[in-house]
């Protein structure tokens, strides 16, 4: 009877002691061109945070890196998606770091947004559509008088003509 009890307790202790895999990700949209966001993200990871980039593809818009914390490596990624060009430049950013809490991803996203503002100024605002004037109701031209009626011309003295 004791063996199943100890086995159950050992399994429970192992489940509590081992960290759970966290599959979170943070995303945000910025009003900067894709090329500016790509270069800022690369500089943030490699230069500012001094993390090794393991793979990158600027055409596909992704970068893989190792997030270093307390001597451990956690795989991370930054994905960039080009936005709707009709509304001006926009880029969607997706940050993911496996095995760490979501606040780490949120911190990376916020630091990238701060870096974009610091290096490139305020984000681009799309042009506003010009205000449209309300349509005037269509004015119909005056109808011509019936054929038998002849309009009476006003007199020169401003008085109505004598009939």
Protein backbone atom coordinates (compact mmCIF):
# COMPACT_ATOMS: atom_id res chain seq x y z
CA UNK A 1 0.00 0.00 0.00
CA UNK A 2 2.92 2.32 0.71
CA UNK A 3 4.48 2.02 -2.75
CA UNK A 4 1.52 3.54 -4.68
CA UNK A 5 1.31 6.36 -2.14
CA UNK A 6 5.00 7.23 -2.50
CA UNK A 7 4.82 6.93 -6.27
CA UNK A 8 1.83 9.28 -6.40
CA UNK A 9 3.54 11.80 -4.12
CA UNK A 10 6.73 11.63 -6.19
CA UNK A 11 4.79 12.28 -9.41
CA UNK A 12 2.96 15.19 -7.80
CA UNK A 13 6.22 16.68 -6.52
CA UNK A 14 7.83 16.35 -9.95
CA UNK A 15 4.90 18.11 -11.62
CA UNK A 16 5.07 20.99 -9.15
CA UNK A 17 8.87 21.28 -9.29
CA UNK A 18 9.22 21.29 -13.09
CA UNK A 19 8.39 24.59 -14.78
CA UNK A 20 5.44 24.48 -17.11
CA UNK A 21 6.00 25.34 -20.74
CA UNK A 22 4.61 28.76 -21.43
CA UNK A 23 3.33 29.34 -24.95
CA UNK A 24 2.50 33.02 -24.80
CA UNK A 25 3.19 35.74 -27.29
CA UNK A 26 2.68 39.47 -27.43
CA UNK A 27 1.81 41.46 -30.49
CA UNK A 28 1.26 45.05 -31.44
CA UNK A 29 0.88 47.32 -34.44
CA UNK A 30 3.10 50.31 -35.18
CA UNK A 31 2.72 53.02 -37.84
CA UNK A 32 6.29 52.73 -39.16
CA UNK A 33 7.48 51.24 -42.45
CA UNK A 34 8.53 47.58 -42.34
CA UNK A 35 12.18 48.40 -43.15
CA UNK A 36 12.51 50.79 -40.19
CA UNK A 37 10.92 48.30 -37.79
CA UNK A 38 13.16 45.49 -39.06
CA UNK A 39 16.38 47.45 -38.57
CA UNK A 40 15.31 48.71 -35.13
CA UNK A 41 14.34 45.18 -33.98
CA UNK A 42 17.65 43.75 -35.14
CA UNK A 43 19.63 46.48 -33.36
CA UNK A 44 17.52 46.04 -30.20
CA UNK A 45 18.25 42.32 -29.98
CA UNK A 46 21.90 42.29 -31.12
CA UNK A 47 23.26 45.61 -29.86
CA UNK A 48 21.08 46.87 -27.02
CA UNK A 49 20.27 43.52 -25.38
CA UNK A 50 23.44 41.71 -26.61
CA UNK A 51 21.57 38.52 -27.44
CA UNK A 52 22.77 36.14 -30.15
CA UNK A 53 20.65 36.01 -33.30
CA UNK A 54 20.48 32.39 -34.45
CA UNK A 55 18.54 32.90 -37.70
CA UNK A 56 16.98 35.77 -39.60
CA UNK A 57 15.25 36.44 -42.88
CA UNK A 58 14.39 40.06 -43.64
CA UNK A 59 12.31 39.10 -46.68
CA UNK A 60 10.07 36.77 -44.65
CA UNK A 61 10.20 39.17 -41.67
CA UNK A 62 11.40 36.92 -38.85
CA UNK A 63 14.35 36.72 -36.51
CA UNK A 64 15.23 33.93 -34.08
CA UNK A 65 17.41 34.68 -31.06
CA UNK A 66 18.44 33.29 -27.68
CA UNK A 67 17.13 35.26 -24.71
CA UNK A 68 19.76 34.99 -22.00
CA UNK A 69 18.67 35.13 -18.36
CA UNK A 70 20.65 33.91 -15.33
CA UNK A 71 23.00 31.92 -17.56
CA UNK A 72 20.17 30.09 -19.32
CA UNK A 73 19.09 30.37 -22.95
CA UNK A 74 15.45 30.68 -23.92
CA UNK A 75 14.51 30.56 -27.62
CA UNK A 76 12.81 33.72 -28.82
CA UNK A 77 11.47 35.15 -32.04
CA UNK A 78 10.38 38.44 -33.54
CA UNK A 79 8.00 38.32 -36.50
CA UNK A 80 7.12 41.35 -38.59
CA UNK A 81 4.15 41.50 -40.94
CA UNK A 82 3.70 44.28 -43.48
CA UNK A 83 0.51 46.25 -42.98
CA UNK A 84 -2.03 47.86 -45.26
CA UNK A 85 -0.25 50.36 -47.48
CA UNK A 86 -3.51 52.08 -48.45
CA UNK A 87 -3.74 53.52 -44.96
CA UNK A 88 -0.05 54.44 -44.75
CA UNK A 89 2.89 52.40 -43.51
CA UNK A 90 2.04 49.94 -40.75
CA UNK A 91 3.82 46.89 -39.36
CA UNK A 92 2.53 44.18 -37.05
CA UNK A 93 5.06 42.92 -34.49
CA UNK A 94 4.82 39.51 -32.80
CA UNK A 95 7.31 38.73 -29.99
CA UNK A 96 7.64 35.29 -28.47
CA UNK A 97 10.04 33.89 -25.85
CA UNK A 98 9.51 30.26 -24.85
CA UNK A 99 9.74 29.26 -21.21
CA UNK A 100 9.50 32.74 -19.70
CA UNK A 101 6.53 34.72 -18.39
CA UNK A 102 4.54 36.94 -20.74
CA UNK A 103 5.89 40.11 -19.15
CA UNK A 104 9.27 39.44 -20.80
CA UNK A 105 7.64 39.50 -24.24
CA UNK A 106 5.67 42.62 -23.29
CA UNK A 107 8.91 44.31 -22.16
CA UNK A 108 10.60 43.48 -25.48
CA UNK A 109 7.63 44.83 -27.45
CA UNK A 110 7.56 48.06 -25.43
CA UNK A 111 11.33 48.56 -25.76
CA UNK A 112 11.06 48.16 -29.53
CA UNK A 113 8.25 50.72 -29.67
CA UNK A 114 10.31 53.15 -27.55
CA UNK A 115 13.35 52.60 -29.79
CA UNK A 116 11.29 53.35 -32.90
CA UNK A 117 10.04 56.62 -31.39
CA UNK A 118 13.52 57.61 -30.21
CA UNK A 119 15.20 56.90 -33.55
CA UNK A 120 12.52 57.84 -36.08
CA UNK A 121 10.25 60.26 -34.23
CA UNK A 122 6.53 59.96 -33.78
CA UNK A 123 4.81 57.36 -35.95
CA UNK A 124 3.44 58.24 -39.32
CA UNK A 125 -0.17 59.36 -39.30
CA UNK A 126 -2.15 58.30 -42.33
CA UNK A 127 -3.57 61.13 -44.42
CA UNK A 128 -7.10 61.93 -43.49
CA UNK A 129 -9.75 61.78 -46.14
CA UNK A 130 -10.77 65.28 -47.20
CA UNK A 131 -14.02 66.43 -45.70
CA UNK A 132 -16.76 65.95 -48.21
CA UNK A 133 -19.28 68.73 -48.69
CA UNK A 134 -22.85 67.64 -48.22
CA UNK A 135 -24.58 67.19 -51.52
CA UNK A 136 -26.90 69.98 -52.50
CA UNK A 137 -30.37 68.86 -53.50
CA UNK A 138 -30.72 68.89 -57.23
CA UNK A 139 -32.38 72.05 -58.43
CA UNK A 140 -34.78 71.54 -61.26
CA UNK A 141 -34.80 74.18 -63.97
CA UNK A 142 -38.01 76.24 -64.01
CA UNK A 143 -40.70 74.72 -66.18
CA UNK A 144 -41.58 76.72 -69.28
CA UNK A 145 -45.05 78.31 -69.21
CA UNK A 146 -47.82 76.53 -71.13
CA UNK A 147 -47.98 77.46 -74.81
CA UNK A 148 -51.07 79.70 -74.62
CA UNK A 149 -49.79 81.81 -71.74
CA UNK A 150 -47.45 84.66 -72.41
CA UNK A 151 -45.61 85.99 -69.44
CA UNK A 152 -46.29 89.60 -68.64
CA UNK A 153 -43.20 91.72 -68.60
CA UNK A 154 -42.89 94.15 -65.73
CA UNK A 155 -43.32 97.80 -66.57
CA UNK A 156 -40.52 100.30 -66.29
CA UNK A 157 -42.08 102.17 -63.43
CA UNK A 158 -42.35 99.03 -61.29
CA UNK A 159 -46.10 98.96 -61.39
CA UNK A 160 -48.13 96.14 -62.80
CA UNK A 161 -49.37 96.73 -66.37
CA UNK A 162 -52.99 97.59 -66.92
CA UNK A 163 -55.14 94.84 -68.27
